[in-house]
Amino acid sequence: MGGDDPSLAPLKALYSTHGGDLTAIFAELGDDPGKAIKYPPKDADEFATKVCDVVLAFGGWAGGFDDA
């Protein structure tokens, strides 16, 4: 899954809507931003890719941002 994949657009938009504020993003997702804050993405592309990688690797969101 690459940065140009259209399926990443909603996650990129979420990142952009919140100006990269991981606390606000994860509040909207209903999850703890802990690992995302510890291993912050550099931009919306990296955020979307990491979230999708975690979901695909673990079959759902497990908050494992560093595992992506």
PDB file of N, CA and C in Angstrom:
ATOM      1  N   MET A   1       0.854  -1.174   0.000  1.00  0.00           N
ATOM      2  CA  MET A   1       0.000   0.000   0.000  1.00  0.00           C
ATOM      3  C   MET A   1       0.896   1.231   0.000  1.00  0.00           C
ATOM      4  N   GLY A   2       0.771   2.046  -1.007  1.00  0.00           N
ATOM      5  CA  GLY A   2       1.628   3.206  -1.121  1.00  0.00           C
ATOM      6  C   GLY A   2       0.919   4.501  -0.825  1.00  0.00           C
ATOM      7  N   GLY A   3       1.690   5.585  -0.788  1.00  0.00           N
ATOM      8  CA  GLY A   3       1.159   6.890  -0.463  1.00  0.00           C
ATOM      9  C   GLY A   3       0.103   7.412  -1.430  1.00  0.00           C
ATOM     10  N   ASP A   4       0.105   6.876  -2.675  1.00  0.00           N
ATOM     11  CA  ASP A   4      -0.869   7.316  -3.674  1.00  0.00           C
ATOM     12  C   ASP A   4      -2.128   6.455  -3.694  1.00  0.00           C
ATOM     13  N   ASP A   5      -2.190   5.452  -2.850  1.00  0.00           N
ATOM     14  CA  ASP A   5      -3.348   4.549  -2.805  1.00  0.00           C
ATOM     15  C   ASP A   5      -4.582   5.342  -2.377  1.00  0.00           C
ATOM     16  N   PRO A   6      -5.640   5.345  -3.188  1.00  0.00           N
ATOM     17  CA  PRO A   6      -6.842   6.126  -2.857  1.00  0.00           C
ATOM     18  C   PRO A   6      -7.538   5.674  -1.570  1.00  0.00           C
ATOM     19  N   SER A   7      -7.293   4.437  -1.148  1.00  0.00           N
ATOM     20  CA  SER A   7      -7.925   3.970   0.090  1.00  0.00           C
ATOM     21  C   SER A   7      -7.337   4.659   1.318  1.00  0.00           C
ATOM     22  N   LEU A   8      -6.198   5.319   1.141  1.00  0.00           N
ATOM     23  CA  LEU A   8      -5.577   6.049   2.255  1.00  0.00           C
ATOM     24  C   LEU A   8      -6.144   7.460   2.417  1.00  0.00           C
ATOM     25  N   ALA A   9      -6.893   7.927   1.440  1.00  0.00           N
ATOM     26  CA  ALA A   9      -7.391   9.313   1.446  1.00  0.00           C
ATOM     27  C   ALA A   9      -8.147   9.700   2.718  1.00  0.00           C
ATOM     28  N   PRO A  10      -9.054   8.864   3.242  1.00  0.00           N
ATOM     29  CA  PRO A  10      -9.766   9.269   4.461  1.00  0.00           C
ATOM     30  C   PRO A  10      -8.833   9.456   5.668  1.00  0.00           C
ATOM     31  N   LEU A  11      -7.817   8.613   5.778  1.00  0.00           N
ATOM     32  CA  LEU A  11      -6.876   8.759   6.894  1.00  0.00           C
ATOM     33  C   LEU A  11      -6.005   9.998   6.717  1.00  0.00           C
ATOM     34  N   LYS A  12      -5.620  10.273   5.483  1.00  0.00           N
ATOM     35  CA  LYS A  12      -4.855  11.495   5.211  1.00  0.00           C
ATOM     36  C   LYS A  12      -5.692  12.728   5.535  1.00  0.00           C
ATOM     37  N   ALA A  13      -6.962  12.679   5.167  1.00  0.00           N
ATOM     38  CA  ALA A  13      -7.860  13.806   5.441  1.00  0.00           C
ATOM     39  C   ALA A  13      -8.030  14.006   6.947  1.00  0.00           C
ATOM     40  N   LEU A  14      -8.156  12.906   7.690  1.00  0.00           N
ATOM     41  CA  LEU A  14      -8.279  12.997   9.147  1.00  0.00           C
ATOM     42  C   LEU A  14      -7.044  13.665   9.733  1.00  0.00           C
ATOM     43  N   TYR A  15      -5.884  13.263   9.281  1.00  0.00           N
ATOM     44  CA  TYR A  15      -4.622  13.845   9.742  1.00  0.00           C
ATOM     45  C   TYR A  15      -4.594  15.345   9.430  1.00  0.00           C
ATOM     46  N   SER A  16      -4.967  15.684   8.206  1.00  0.00           N
ATOM     47  CA  SER A  16      -4.952  17.090   7.787  1.00  0.00           C
ATOM     48  C   SER A  16      -5.986  17.925   8.528  1.00  0.00           C
ATOM     49  N   THR A  17      -7.175  17.366   8.736  1.00  0.00           N
ATOM     50  CA  THR A  17      -8.236  18.079   9.454  1.00  0.00           C
ATOM     51  C   THR A  17      -7.767  18.505  10.838  1.00  0.00           C
ATOM     52  N   HIS A  18      -7.003  17.650  11.476  1.00  0.00           N
ATOM     53  CA  HIS A  18      -6.516  17.937  12.826  1.00  0.00           C
ATOM     54  C   HIS A  18      -5.107  18.523  12.836  1.00  0.00           C
ATOM     55  N   GLY A  19      -4.609  18.888  11.662  1.00  0.00           N
ATOM     56  CA  GLY A  19      -3.296  19.514  11.580  1.00  0.00           C
ATOM     57  C   GLY A  19      -2.187  18.649  12.153  1.00  0.00           C
ATOM     58  N   GLY A  20      -2.363  17.329  12.066  1.00  0.00           N
ATOM     59  CA  GLY A  20      -1.343  16.410  12.577  1.00  0.00           C
ATOM     60  C   GLY A  20      -1.364  16.230  14.084  1.00  0.00           C
ATOM     61  N   ASP A  21      -2.361  16.795  14.751  1.00  0.00           N
ATOM     62  CA  ASP A  21      -2.480  16.666  16.213  1.00  0.00           C
ATOM     63  C   ASP A  21      -2.919  15.245  16.549  1.00  0.00           C
ATOM     64  N   LEU A  22      -1.954  14.410  16.924  1.00  0.00           N
ATOM     65  CA  LEU A  22      -2.234  12.996  17.157  1.00  0.00           C
ATOM     66  C   LEU A  22      -3.206  12.760  18.307  1.00  0.00           C
ATOM     67  N   THR A  23      -3.181  13.598  19.312  1.00  0.00           N
ATOM     68  CA  THR A  23      -4.126  13.459  20.421  1.00  0.00           C
ATOM     69  C   THR A  23      -5.554  13.654  19.914  1.00  0.00           C
ATOM     70  N   ALA A  24      -5.770  14.669  19.097  1.00  0.00           N
ATOM     71  CA  ALA A  24      -7.105  14.930  18.535  1.00  0.00           C
ATOM     72  C   ALA A  24      -7.522  13.831  17.559  1.00  0.00           C
ATOM     73  N   ILE A  25      -6.600  13.380  16.744  1.00  0.00           N
ATOM     74  CA  ILE A  25      -6.895  12.323  15.773  1.00  0.00           C
ATOM     75  C   ILE A  25      -7.341  11.055  16.492  1.00  0.00           C
ATOM     76  N   PHE A  26      -6.569  10.626  17.494  1.00  0.00           N
ATOM     77  CA  PHE A  26      -6.898   9.384  18.181  1.00  0.00           C
ATOM     78  C   PHE A  26      -8.119   9.538  19.084  1.00  0.00           C
ATOM     79  N   ALA A  27      -8.408  10.760  19.540  1.00  0.00           N
ATOM     80  CA  ALA A  27      -9.655  10.987  20.275  1.00  0.00           C
ATOM     81  C   ALA A  27     -10.837  10.728  19.340  1.00  0.00           C
ATOM     82  N   GLU A  28     -10.733  11.202  18.108  1.00  0.00           N
ATOM     83  CA  GLU A  28     -11.800  10.959  17.135  1.00  0.00           C
ATOM     84  C   GLU A  28     -11.912   9.472  16.800  1.00  0.00           C
ATOM     85  N   LEU A  29     -10.783   8.770  16.772  1.00  0.00           N
ATOM     86  CA  LEU A  29     -10.787   7.334  16.496  1.00  0.00           C
ATOM     87  C   LEU A  29     -11.190   6.512  17.722  1.00  0.00           C
ATOM     88  N   GLY A  30     -11.230   7.160  18.886  1.00  0.00           N
ATOM     89  CA  GLY A  30     -11.587   6.459  20.115  1.00  0.00           C
ATOM     90  C   GLY A  30     -10.488   5.551  20.617  1.00  0.00           C
ATOM     91  N   ASP A  31      -9.241   5.974  20.412  1.00  0.00           N
ATOM     92  CA  ASP A  31      -8.109   5.140  20.805  1.00  0.00           C
ATOM     93  C   ASP A  31      -7.049   5.992  21.488  1.00  0.00           C
ATOM     94  N   ASP A  32      -6.113   5.318  22.117  1.00  0.00           N
ATOM     95  CA  ASP A  32      -5.003   5.959  22.820  1.00  0.00           C
ATOM     96  C   ASP A  32      -3.900   6.282  21.812  1.00  0.00           C
ATOM     97  N   PRO A  33      -3.416   7.522  21.795  1.00  0.00           N
ATOM     98  CA  PRO A  33      -2.390   7.894  20.836  1.00  0.00           C
ATOM     99  C   PRO A  33      -0.963   7.579  21.283  1.00  0.00           C
ATOM    100  N   GLY A  34      -0.816   6.877  22.402  1.00  0.00           N
ATOM    101  CA  GLY A  34       0.494   6.674  23.017  1.00  0.00           C
ATOM    102  C   GLY A  34       1.628   6.325  22.072  1.00  0.00           C
ATOM    103  N   LYS A  35       1.503   5.211  21.350  1.00  0.00           N
ATOM    104  CA  LYS A  35       2.604   4.797  20.471  1.00  0.00           C
ATOM    105  C   LYS A  35       2.750   5.715  19.264  1.00  0.00           C
ATOM    106  N   ALA A  36       1.648   6.284  18.806  1.00  0.00           N
ATOM    107  CA  ALA A  36       1.734   7.224  17.686  1.00  0.00           C
ATOM    108  C   ALA A  36       2.507   8.473  18.108  1.00  0.00           C
ATOM    109  N   ILE A  37       2.331   8.876  19.355  1.00  0.00           N
ATOM    110  CA  ILE A  37       3.073  10.042  19.855  1.00  0.00           C
ATOM    111  C   ILE A  37       4.538   9.670  20.059  1.00  0.00           C
ATOM    112  N   LYS A  38       4.780   8.463  20.541  1.00  0.00           N
ATOM    113  CA  LYS A  38       6.159   8.006  20.757  1.00  0.00           C
ATOM    114  C   LYS A  38       6.906   7.845  19.437  1.00  0.00           C
ATOM    115  N   TYR A  39       6.185   7.392  18.403  1.00  0.00           N
ATOM    116  CA  TYR A  39       6.757   7.179  17.072  1.00  0.00           C
ATOM    117  C   TYR A  39       5.952   7.993  16.056  1.00  0.00           C
ATOM    118  N   PRO A  40       6.042   9.334  16.128  1.00  0.00           N
ATOM    119  CA  PRO A  40       5.166  10.177  15.309  1.00  0.00           C
ATOM    120  C   PRO A  40       5.458  10.076  13.810  1.00  0.00           C
ATOM    121  N   PRO A  41       4.395  10.097  13.023  1.00  0.00           N
ATOM    122  CA  PRO A  41       4.573  10.125  11.573  1.00  0.00           C
ATOM    123  C   PRO A  41       5.073  11.495  11.143  1.00  0.00           C
ATOM    124  N   LYS A  42       5.808  11.527  10.052  1.00  0.00           N
ATOM    125  CA  LYS A  42       6.341  12.817   9.584  1.00  0.00           C
ATOM    126  C   LYS A  42       5.305  13.630   8.820  1.00  0.00           C
ATOM    127  N   ASP A  43       4.270  12.923   8.287  1.00  0.00           N
ATOM    128  CA  ASP A  43       3.256  13.620   7.498  1.00  0.00           C
ATOM    129  C   ASP A  43       2.009  12.737   7.363  1.00  0.00           C
ATOM    130  N   ALA A  44       1.030  13.249   6.634  1.00  0.00           N
ATOM    131  CA  ALA A  44      -0.239  12.532   6.451  1.00  0.00           C
ATOM    132  C   ALA A  44      -0.048  11.206   5.724  1.00  0.00           C
ATOM    133  N   ASP A  45       0.849  11.165   4.755  1.00  0.00           N
ATOM    134  CA  ASP A  45       1.112   9.924   4.017  1.00  0.00           C
ATOM    135  C   ASP A  45       1.634   8.837   4.949  1.00  0.00           C
ATOM    136  N   GLU A  46       2.601   9.192   5.768  1.00  0.00           N
ATOM    137  CA  GLU A  46       3.164   8.201   6.687  1.00  0.00           C
ATOM    138  C   GLU A  46       2.135   7.773   7.733  1.00  0.00           C
ATOM    139  N   PHE A  47       1.342   8.717   8.222  1.00  0.00           N
ATOM    140  CA  PHE A  47       0.297   8.379   9.186  1.00  0.00           C
ATOM    141  C   PHE A  47      -0.665   7.355   8.598  1.00  0.00           C
ATOM    142  N   ALA A  48      -1.183   7.638   7.418  1.00  0.00           N
ATOM    143  CA  ALA A  48      -2.160   6.750   6.790  1.00  0.00           C
ATOM    144  C   ALA A  48      -1.559   5.379   6.512  1.00  0.00           C
ATOM    145  N   THR A  49      -0.343   5.354   6.030  1.00  0.00           N
ATOM    146  CA  THR A  49       0.322   4.087   5.731  1.00  0.00           C
ATOM    147  C   THR A  49       0.542   3.265   6.986  1.00  0.00           C
ATOM    148  N   LYS A  50       1.000   3.917   8.063  1.00  0.00           N
ATOM    149  CA  LYS A  50       1.236   3.188   9.319  1.00  0.00           C
ATOM    150  C   LYS A  50      -0.063   2.627   9.893  1.00  0.00           C
ATOM    151  N   VAL A  51      -1.112   3.418   9.883  1.00  0.00           N
ATOM    152  CA  VAL A  51      -2.393   2.934  10.409  1.00  0.00           C
ATOM    153  C   VAL A  51      -2.853   1.724   9.600  1.00  0.00           C
ATOM    154  N   CYS A  52      -2.805   1.820   8.291  1.00  0.00           N
ATOM    155  CA  CYS A  52      -3.239   0.691   7.450  1.00  0.00           C
ATOM    156  C   CYS A  52      -2.340  -0.522   7.641  1.00  0.00           C
ATOM    157  N   ASP A  53      -1.042  -0.317   7.768  1.00  0.00           N
ATOM    158  CA  ASP A  53      -0.124  -1.433   7.990  1.00  0.00           C
ATOM    159  C   ASP A  53      -0.459  -2.168   9.283  1.00  0.00           C
ATOM    160  N   VAL A  54      -0.767  -1.422  10.334  1.00  0.00           N
ATOM    161  CA  VAL A  54      -1.112  -2.036  11.618  1.00  0.00           C
ATOM    162  C   VAL A  54      -2.416  -2.816  11.494  1.00  0.00           C
ATOM    163  N   VAL A  55      -3.402  -2.213  10.857  1.00  0.00           N
ATOM    164  CA  VAL A  55      -4.693  -2.884  10.699  1.00  0.00           C
ATOM    165  C   VAL A  55      -4.528  -4.172   9.884  1.00  0.00           C
ATOM    166  N   LEU A  56      -3.775  -4.114   8.812  1.00  0.00           N
ATOM    167  CA  LEU A  56      -3.573  -5.295   7.976  1.00  0.00           C
ATOM    168  C   LEU A  56      -2.747  -6.366   8.694  1.00  0.00           C
ATOM    169  N   ALA A  57      -1.737  -5.953   9.432  1.00  0.00           N
ATOM    170  CA  ALA A  57      -0.862  -6.907  10.112  1.00  0.00           C
ATOM    171  C   ALA A  57      -1.556  -7.612  11.271  1.00  0.00           C
ATOM    172  N   PHE A  58      -2.432  -6.888  11.955  1.00  0.00           N
ATOM    173  CA  PHE A  58      -3.038  -7.440  13.166  1.00  0.00           C
ATOM    174  C   PHE A  58      -4.523  -7.724  13.027  1.00  0.00           C
ATOM    175  N   GLY A  59      -5.064  -7.499  11.853  1.00  0.00           N
ATOM    176  CA  GLY A  59      -6.479  -7.784  11.641  1.00  0.00           C
ATOM    177  C   GLY A  59      -7.394  -6.783  12.326  1.00  0.00           C
ATOM    178  N   GLY A  60      -6.865  -5.672  12.717  1.00  0.00           N
ATOM    179  CA  GLY A  60      -7.634  -4.616  13.389  1.00  0.00           C
ATOM    180  C   GLY A  60      -6.682  -3.665  14.063  1.00  0.00           C
ATOM    181  N   TRP A  61      -7.203  -2.595  14.531  1.00  0.00           N
ATOM    182  CA  TRP A  61      -6.350  -1.591  15.186  1.00  0.00           C
ATOM    183  C   TRP A  61      -5.974  -2.089  16.571  1.00  0.00           C
ATOM    184  N   ALA A  62      -4.701  -2.203  16.838  1.00  0.00           N
ATOM    185  CA  ALA A  62      -4.211  -2.666  18.135  1.00  0.00           C
ATOM    186  C   ALA A  62      -3.327  -1.611  18.783  1.00  0.00           C
ATOM    187  N   GLY A  63      -3.342  -0.398  18.211  1.00  0.00           N
ATOM    188  CA  GLY A  63      -2.516   0.667  18.766  1.00  0.00           C
ATOM    189  C   GLY A  63      -1.034   0.427  18.586  1.00  0.00           C
ATOM    190  N   GLY A  64      -0.666  -0.479  17.706  1.00  0.00           N
ATOM    191  CA  GLY A  64       0.724  -0.857  17.536  1.00  0.00           C
ATOM    192  C   GLY A  64       1.456  -0.052  16.497  1.00  0.00           C
ATOM    193  N   PHE A  65       1.479   1.236  16.655  1.00  0.00           N
ATOM    194  CA  PHE A  65       2.078   2.127  15.672  1.00  0.00           C
ATOM    195  C   PHE A  65       3.532   1.783  15.402  1.00  0.00           C
ATOM    196  N   ASP A  66       4.280   1.412  16.421  1.00  0.00           N
ATOM    197  CA  ASP A  66       5.698   1.122  16.233  1.00  0.00           C
ATOM    198  C   ASP A  66       5.926  -0.221  15.566  1.00  0.00           C
ATOM    199  N   ASP A  67       4.906  -1.066  15.516  1.00  0.00           N
ATOM    200  CA  ASP A  67       5.038  -2.388  14.929  1.00  0.00           C
ATOM    201  C   ASP A  67       4.862  -2.374  13.424  1.00  0.00           C
ATOM    202  N   ALA A  68       4.444  -1.238  12.880  1.00  0.00           N
ATOM    203  CA  ALA A  68       4.168  -1.153  11.438  1.00  0.00           C
ATOM    204  C   ALA A  68       5.454  -1.122  10.641  1.00  0.00           C
TER     205      ALA A  68
END
